[in-house]
């Protein structure tokens, strides 16, 4: 039975992915296969978290550069007045 049916969680790509992973885990009987699957799942999660962090840092740098440029432009315009 699907997890979203049990918990009334709206079905999203994330819940669908989690359900597929749970079904695969339920079908595995070998401990090594379970460990491999869990390791790959955790590696993907870490990679996604790292990518989100890097994107946020890049956006913050860009916003800071724009802020500095605006401040310099405003200072230059004030000097011309």
Protein backbone atom coordinates (compact mmCIF):
# COMPACT_ATOMS: atom_id res chain seq x y z
CA UNK A 1 0.00 0.00 0.00
CA UNK A 2 1.30 3.47 -0.82
CA UNK A 3 2.65 5.64 1.96
CA UNK A 4 0.58 8.65 0.90
CA UNK A 5 -2.62 6.65 1.39
CA UNK A 6 -1.64 5.90 4.96
CA UNK A 7 -0.59 9.41 5.92
CA UNK A 8 -2.81 11.55 3.67
CA UNK A 9 0.29 13.29 2.33
CA UNK A 10 -0.26 14.85 -1.10
CA UNK A 11 1.51 12.89 -3.81
CA UNK A 12 4.50 14.83 -5.09
CA UNK A 13 7.60 13.79 -7.03
CA UNK A 14 9.42 13.55 -3.70
CA UNK A 15 6.85 11.25 -2.11
CA UNK A 16 6.72 9.16 -5.29
CA UNK A 17 10.51 8.77 -5.18
CA UNK A 18 10.37 7.84 -1.50
CA UNK A 19 7.65 5.27 -2.19
CA UNK A 20 9.72 3.69 -4.98
CA UNK A 21 12.75 3.53 -2.67
CA UNK A 22 10.67 1.91 0.08
CA UNK A 23 9.26 -0.67 -2.34
CA UNK A 24 12.79 -1.52 -3.50
CA UNK A 25 13.95 -1.88 0.10
CA UNK A 26 11.01 -4.16 0.91
CA UNK A 27 11.91 -6.41 -2.02
CA UNK A 28 15.56 -6.78 -1.04
CA UNK A 29 16.54 -9.70 1.14
CA UNK A 30 20.32 -9.42 1.05
CA UNK A 31 21.84 -7.13 3.71
CA UNK A 32 24.58 -6.04 1.33
CA UNK A 33 22.02 -5.00 -1.28
CA UNK A 34 20.10 -3.03 1.35
CA UNK A 35 23.32 -1.31 2.46
CA UNK A 36 24.19 -0.47 -1.15
CA UNK A 37 20.75 0.96 -1.83
CA UNK A 38 20.76 3.05 1.35
CA UNK A 39 24.28 4.29 0.66
CA UNK A 40 23.36 5.41 -2.85
CA UNK A 41 20.19 7.07 -1.54
CA UNK A 42 22.16 8.99 1.09
CA UNK A 43 24.82 9.98 -1.45
CA UNK A 44 22.12 11.42 -3.74
CA UNK A 45 20.60 13.34 -0.82
CA UNK A 46 24.00 14.76 0.13
CA UNK A 47 24.69 15.77 -3.46
CA UNK A 48 21.32 17.50 -3.74
CA UNK A 49 21.85 19.31 -0.44
CA UNK A 50 25.33 20.42 -1.55
CA UNK A 51 23.98 21.66 -4.90
CA UNK A 52 21.23 23.67 -3.17
CA UNK A 53 23.80 25.17 -0.81
CA UNK A 54 26.09 26.10 -3.72
CA UNK A 55 23.19 27.67 -5.63
CA UNK A 56 22.19 29.72 -2.59
CA UNK A 57 25.78 30.90 -2.12
CA UNK A 58 26.00 31.86 -5.80
CA UNK A 59 22.73 33.83 -5.56
CA UNK A 60 23.98 35.59 -2.42
CA UNK A 61 27.23 36.56 -4.17
CA UNK A 62 25.31 37.90 -7.17
CA UNK A 63 22.95 39.88 -4.95
CA UNK A 64 25.91 41.32 -3.04
CA UNK A 65 27.62 42.34 -6.29
CA UNK A 66 24.45 44.08 -7.45
CA UNK A 67 24.12 45.86 -4.11
CA UNK A 68 27.72 47.09 -4.31
CA UNK A 69 27.23 48.22 -7.92
CA UNK A 70 24.08 50.15 -6.96
CA UNK A 71 25.87 51.77 -4.03
CA UNK A 72 28.81 52.78 -6.23
CA UNK A 73 26.46 54.14 -8.89
CA UNK A 74 24.49 56.10 -6.28
CA UNK A 75 27.73 57.50 -4.83
CA UNK A 76 28.91 58.49 -8.31
CA UNK A 77 25.61 60.21 -9.09
CA UNK A 78 25.65 62.02 -5.75
CA UNK A 79 29.16 63.25 -6.52
CA UNK A 80 28.02 64.65 -9.87
CA UNK A 81 25.22 66.72 -8.29
